[in-house]
Amino acid sequence: MVIDFHTHTFPDAIAARAVSGMASGADIKNYSDGTAAGLKAVMDRAGVTCAVLAPVATKPGQTGGINRLAAETDRKFSGRGLVSLGGIHPDNDDYAEILGALRREGVPGIKLHPLFQGVPADDIRFKRIVERAAELDMTVLIHAGDDPNFPGLDLASPARLGRLLRDVPWRKTILAHMGGFARWDEARELWGGDFYLDTAVALGPWRRSGGSPSEGRPMTGPELAAAVRAHGADRVLFGSDSPWSDEAEALSALRGSGLTEEELRKILWDNGAALLGLEET
């Protein structure tokens, strides 16, 4: 039983354009076509039981459409392997109402991305969103660290995320990419806190040409295992970042990192199932 807590899909009508544009702009490879059907095919090959979709509202006006699709996806695929988070933009002044509506629809959480949304992670606009999500007992997944689409842009650094977590300590916050993509030394300062990490692309793959998006590098397997133990295996989730990595390869890398079977079970199923309220079948 495996939950992939960090994946992305796009509406069928725009998936090809969106995936092609992002792959070209960030100099990365895509491993599926970005559709829900494409993700399901990848999941079947990899043996993934459930995937969590993490949509990002890059403009305030996108929130309504993203959340209608999220609610529709959660109804359509209930018990069938896909769970969608909702989206919200920090400039949505009606953020409290948006989050309340998502909660009523049964959408379990939201995805925030400081770089794509152009707002620092420690900005008051993000803090108030996380605070309201906590009041509603919703999961909050946040991009952490660098992003190949925005080289040199420092909006989601571990230091900024640390300030966010200090001011709004919410235990169902998930920092993606082990707390800081390409910035492991800085992310280390956060490990051990009362929040979750996900493993998305921490072990690679990274950019295919033109160098990495920063001076950093992927973690080695032993480094990831040490990071899991520093933070606590009870607070780590498997994530692939599909379509930007292959789920089967990501699982193989995680299983080859030196973690114990007990640690892997927590990361691959137990922790995510507890957040989503899923039972093993």
Protein backbone atom coordinates (compact mmCIF):
# COMPACT_ATOMS: atom_id res chain seq x y z
CA MET A 1 0.00 0.00 0.00
CA VAL A 2 1.52 3.30 -1.14
CA ILE A 3 0.30 6.90 -0.98
CA ASP A 4 2.05 9.44 -3.19
CA PHE A 5 1.30 12.68 -1.37
CA HIS A 6 2.71 15.08 -3.99
CA THR A 7 1.54 14.86 -7.62
CA HIS A 8 0.22 17.24 -10.26
CA THR A 9 -2.36 16.95 -13.02
CA PHE A 10 -4.03 19.49 -15.28
CA PRO A 11 -7.43 19.62 -16.98
CA ASP A 12 -7.37 17.50 -20.14
CA ALA A 13 -7.90 20.53 -22.38
CA ILE A 14 -4.72 22.27 -21.23
CA ALA A 15 -2.53 19.43 -19.94
CA ALA A 16 -0.34 19.07 -23.03
CA ARG A 17 0.32 22.81 -23.24
CA ALA A 18 0.92 23.21 -19.51
CA VAL A 19 3.31 20.27 -19.19
CA SER A 20 5.23 21.18 -22.34
CA GLY A 21 5.61 24.79 -21.26
CA MET A 22 6.80 23.96 -17.76
CA ALA A 23 9.19 21.24 -18.94
CA SER A 24 10.73 23.58 -21.50
CA GLY A 25 10.90 26.57 -19.19
CA ALA A 26 12.52 24.66 -16.33
CA ASP A 27 14.68 22.41 -18.52
CA ILE A 28 13.21 19.27 -16.96
CA LYS A 29 11.64 16.07 -18.27
CA ASN A 30 8.02 15.04 -17.76
CA TYR A 31 7.22 11.38 -17.09
CA SER A 32 3.48 11.44 -17.81
CA ASP A 33 1.17 13.60 -19.91
CA GLY A 34 -0.17 15.55 -16.94
CA THR A 35 -3.73 14.21 -17.14
CA ALA A 36 -5.55 12.26 -14.44
CA ALA A 37 -5.69 9.26 -16.78
CA GLY A 38 -1.96 9.53 -17.41
CA LEU A 39 -1.26 9.65 -13.68
CA LYS A 40 -3.47 6.64 -13.05
CA ALA A 41 -1.53 4.67 -15.67
CA VAL A 42 1.77 5.61 -13.99
CA MET A 43 0.34 4.64 -10.60
CA ASP A 44 -0.74 1.24 -11.87
CA ARG A 45 2.74 0.53 -13.23
CA ALA A 46 4.42 1.67 -10.01
CA GLY A 47 2.03 -0.02 -7.60
CA VAL A 48 0.83 3.25 -6.04
CA THR A 49 -2.51 2.92 -4.26
CA CYS A 50 -3.45 6.57 -3.90
CA ALA A 51 -2.10 9.87 -5.25
CA VAL A 52 -2.72 13.33 -3.82
CA LEU A 53 -3.09 16.08 -6.43
CA ALA A 54 -1.59 19.46 -5.53
CA PRO A 55 -2.98 22.24 -7.77
CA VAL A 56 -1.53 25.76 -7.58
CA ALA A 57 -3.51 28.94 -8.14
CA THR A 58 -1.01 31.26 -9.84
CA LYS A 59 -3.60 34.06 -10.03
CA PRO A 60 -6.45 34.94 -7.64
CA GLY A 61 -9.02 34.42 -10.39
CA GLN A 62 -7.99 30.79 -10.90
CA THR A 63 -9.09 29.69 -7.44
CA GLY A 64 -12.76 29.07 -8.23
CA GLY A 65 -12.11 26.83 -11.22
CA ILE A 66 -9.34 24.91 -9.48
CA ASN A 67 -11.52 24.22 -6.47
CA ARG A 68 -14.54 23.17 -8.48
CA LEU A 69 -12.32 20.63 -10.24
CA ALA A 70 -10.81 19.53 -6.91
CA ALA A 71 -14.24 18.85 -5.41
CA GLU A 72 -15.35 17.09 -8.59
CA THR A 73 -12.20 14.93 -8.59
CA ASP A 74 -12.69 13.97 -4.96
CA ARG A 75 -16.27 12.91 -5.66
CA LYS A 76 -15.47 11.11 -8.90
CA PHE A 77 -12.47 9.21 -7.59
CA SER A 78 -13.65 8.58 -4.02
CA GLY A 79 -12.17 5.21 -3.11
CA ARG A 80 -10.54 4.96 -6.54
CA GLY A 81 -7.05 6.25 -5.88
CA LEU A 82 -7.04 10.03 -6.45
CA VAL A 83 -7.49 12.72 -3.81
CA SER A 84 -7.24 16.40 -4.75
CA LEU A 85 -6.22 19.26 -2.55
CA GLY A 86 -7.65 22.67 -3.27
CA GLY A 87 -5.91 25.82 -4.39
CA ILE A 88 -5.86 29.32 -2.97
CA HIS A 89 -3.90 32.45 -3.84
CA PRO A 90 -2.51 34.75 -1.14
CA ASP A 91 -4.29 37.67 -2.82
CA ASN A 92 -7.71 36.07 -2.44
CA ASP A 93 -9.21 38.51 0.07
CA ASP A 94 -12.07 36.09 0.69
CA TYR A 95 -9.64 33.36 1.75
CA ALA A 96 -11.67 32.44 4.84
CA GLU A 97 -14.79 31.82 2.77
CA ILE A 98 -12.82 29.86 0.15
CA LEU A 99 -11.33 27.58 2.78
CA GLY A 100 -14.68 27.12 4.46
CA ALA A 101 -16.27 26.12 1.16
CA LEU A 102 -13.50 23.59 0.50
CA ARG A 103 -14.00 22.11 3.94
CA ARG A 104 -17.72 21.74 3.37
CA GLU A 105 -17.02 19.98 0.07
CA GLY A 106 -14.77 17.52 1.87
CA VAL A 107 -11.54 18.68 0.18
CA PRO A 108 -8.86 17.76 2.75
CA GLY A 109 -6.39 20.60 2.30
CA ILE A 110 -4.66 23.14 0.08
CA LYS A 111 -1.40 23.64 -1.81
CA LEU A 112 0.64 26.85 -1.54
CA HIS A 113 3.62 27.73 -3.75
CA PRO A 114 5.38 31.00 -2.83
CA LEU A 115 7.44 31.06 -6.05
CA PHE A 116 4.62 30.47 -8.52
CA GLN A 117 2.39 32.81 -6.49
CA GLY A 118 5.03 35.53 -6.18
CA VAL A 119 4.72 36.04 -2.43
CA PRO A 120 7.31 35.26 0.30
CA ALA A 121 6.43 32.27 2.48
CA ASP A 122 6.61 34.37 5.65
CA ASP A 123 4.23 37.04 4.32
CA ILE A 124 1.17 37.81 6.44
CA ARG A 125 -1.06 36.69 3.55
CA PHE A 126 0.24 33.14 3.83
CA LYS A 127 0.16 33.23 7.62
CA ARG A 128 -3.52 34.10 7.72
CA ILE A 129 -4.34 31.32 5.23
CA VAL A 130 -2.49 28.72 7.30
CA GLU A 131 -4.10 30.01 10.48
CA ARG A 132 -7.59 29.64 9.00
CA ALA A 133 -6.74 26.19 7.57
CA ALA A 134 -5.64 25.13 11.05
CA GLU A 135 -8.95 26.31 12.50
CA LEU A 136 -10.69 24.10 9.92
CA ASP A 137 -8.34 21.14 10.54
CA MET A 138 -7.12 21.17 6.91
CA THR A 139 -3.78 19.95 5.60
CA VAL A 140 -1.47 22.60 4.10
CA LEU A 141 1.18 21.50 1.58
CA ILE A 142 3.80 24.19 0.86
CA HIS A 143 6.59 24.18 -1.70
CA ALA A 144 9.93 24.51 0.09
CA GLY A 145 13.29 25.62 -1.29
CA ASP A 146 14.32 26.43 -4.85
CA ASP A 147 12.41 25.77 -8.06
CA PRO A 148 13.97 25.33 -11.52
CA ASN A 149 11.27 27.56 -12.98
CA PHE A 150 12.52 30.48 -10.85
CA PRO A 151 16.31 30.29 -10.49
CA GLY A 152 17.66 32.66 -7.87
CA LEU A 153 14.25 33.69 -6.53
CA ASP A 154 14.29 33.36 -2.75
CA LEU A 155 10.64 33.24 -1.65
CA ALA A 156 10.37 29.75 -0.15
CA SER A 157 13.67 29.38 1.67
CA PRO A 158 13.84 27.22 4.80
CA ALA A 159 14.43 30.41 6.82
CA ARG A 160 11.21 31.99 5.55
CA LEU A 161 9.28 28.77 6.13
CA GLY A 162 10.73 28.56 9.62
CA ARG A 163 9.33 32.00 10.40
CA LEU A 164 5.94 30.97 9.02
CA LEU A 165 5.90 27.85 11.20
CA ARG A 166 7.06 29.83 14.23
CA ASP A 167 4.25 32.36 13.86
CA VAL A 168 1.58 29.84 12.81
CA PRO A 169 2.55 26.44 14.22
CA TRP A 170 0.18 24.02 12.51
CA ARG A 171 0.95 20.30 12.83
CA LYS A 172 -0.75 19.41 9.52
CA THR A 173 1.62 21.62 7.53
CA ILE A 174 3.72 19.69 5.01
CA LEU A 175 6.97 21.21 3.74
CA ALA A 176 7.63 19.70 0.32
CA HIS A 177 11.02 18.50 -0.89
CA MET A 178 12.33 17.58 2.58
CA GLY A 179 11.96 21.16 3.74
CA GLY A 180 14.06 22.89 1.10
CA PHE A 181 14.70 21.72 -2.46
CA ALA A 182 18.44 22.09 -3.21
CA ARG A 183 19.02 23.73 0.21
CA TRP A 184 19.61 20.77 2.49
CA ASP A 185 21.99 22.50 4.90
CA GLU A 186 19.40 25.20 5.54
CA ALA A 187 16.52 22.71 5.70
CA ARG A 188 18.42 20.80 8.38
CA GLU A 189 17.68 23.65 10.79
CA LEU A 190 13.95 22.84 10.51
CA TRP A 191 14.10 19.05 10.89
CA GLY A 192 12.60 17.76 14.11
CA GLY A 193 9.75 20.30 14.19
CA ASP A 194 6.08 19.48 14.64
CA PHE A 195 5.13 19.37 10.94
CA TYR A 196 5.51 16.99 8.00
CA LEU A 197 8.08 16.71 5.23
CA ASP A 198 7.60 15.04 1.86
CA THR A 199 10.31 13.33 -0.15
CA ALA A 200 9.36 14.74 -3.58
CA VAL A 201 12.43 14.80 -5.88
CA ALA A 202 14.84 15.05 -2.93
CA LEU A 203 16.66 12.05 -4.42
CA GLY A 204 16.31 13.32 -8.00
CA PRO A 205 15.90 13.53 -10.91
CA TRP A 206 16.98 17.13 -11.33
CA ARG A 207 17.48 19.26 -14.41
CA ARG A 208 18.60 17.34 -17.47
CA SER A 209 20.88 20.04 -18.90
CA GLY A 210 22.26 23.44 -18.08
CA GLY A 211 23.15 22.53 -14.52
CA SER A 212 21.05 22.34 -11.37
CA PRO A 213 18.68 25.13 -10.38
CA SER A 214 21.05 26.23 -7.63
CA GLU A 215 24.43 25.33 -6.18
CA GLY A 216 22.74 22.42 -4.42
CA ARG A 217 22.49 18.78 -5.43
CA PRO A 218 20.14 15.85 -4.88
CA MET A 219 20.38 13.99 -1.59
CA THR A 220 22.10 10.64 -1.51
CA GLY A 221 20.14 7.72 -0.10
CA PRO A 222 22.04 7.72 3.20
CA GLU A 223 21.55 11.49 3.51
CA LEU A 224 17.81 11.12 3.06
CA ALA A 225 17.67 8.30 5.61
CA ALA A 226 19.57 10.49 8.09
CA ALA A 227 17.18 13.37 7.42
CA VAL A 228 14.16 11.13 8.02
CA ARG A 229 15.60 10.04 11.35
CA ALA A 230 16.48 13.60 12.33
CA HIS A 231 12.91 14.71 11.67
CA GLY A 232 11.14 11.51 12.69
CA ALA A 233 9.71 8.87 10.36
CA ASP A 234 6.26 9.53 11.84
CA ARG A 235 6.32 12.95 10.15
CA VAL A 236 7.54 12.13 6.63
CA LEU A 237 5.44 11.37 3.52
CA PHE A 238 6.39 9.82 0.20
CA GLY A 239 6.02 12.20 -2.73
CA SER A 240 7.08 11.86 -6.36
CA ASP A 241 6.17 15.30 -7.82
CA SER A 242 4.76 13.43 -10.85
CA PRO A 243 4.85 14.24 -13.75
CA TRP A 244 8.30 15.65 -12.94
CA SER A 245 9.61 12.29 -11.79
CA ASP A 246 8.66 8.66 -12.40
CA GLU A 247 6.81 7.13 -9.47
CA ALA A 248 8.46 3.73 -9.88
CA GLU A 249 11.94 5.28 -9.91
CA ALA A 250 11.10 7.49 -6.92
CA LEU A 251 9.86 4.48 -4.95
CA SER A 252 12.94 2.45 -5.87
CA ALA A 253 15.24 5.26 -4.74
CA LEU A 254 13.41 5.64 -1.44
CA ARG A 255 13.41 1.89 -0.77
CA GLY A 256 17.13 1.78 -1.54
CA SER A 257 18.01 4.62 0.82
CA GLY A 258 18.73 2.44 3.85
CA LEU A 259 15.48 3.04 5.72
CA THR A 260 14.02 0.14 7.70
CA GLU A 261 10.81 -1.62 6.69
CA GLU A 262 9.04 0.00 9.63
CA GLU A 263 10.21 3.46 8.60
CA LEU A 264 9.18 2.82 4.99
CA ARG A 265 5.72 1.65 6.02
CA LYS A 266 5.16 4.88 7.91
CA ILE A 267 6.39 7.03 5.01
CA LEU A 268 4.64 5.10 2.24
CA TRP A 269 1.28 4.54 3.91
CA ASP A 270 0.64 5.07 7.62
CA ASN A 271 1.36 8.80 7.86
CA GLY A 272 -0.51 9.77 4.73
CA ALA A 273 -3.44 7.50 5.53
CA ALA A 274 -3.79 9.14 8.93
CA LEU A 275 -3.89 12.61 7.35
CA LEU A 276 -6.45 11.53 4.74
CA GLY A 277 -8.51 9.27 6.99
CA LEU A 278 -7.88 6.21 4.81
CA GLU A 279 -7.99 2.60 5.92
CA GLU A 280 -5.82 -0.17 4.51
CA THR A 281 -7.76 -2.55 2.27
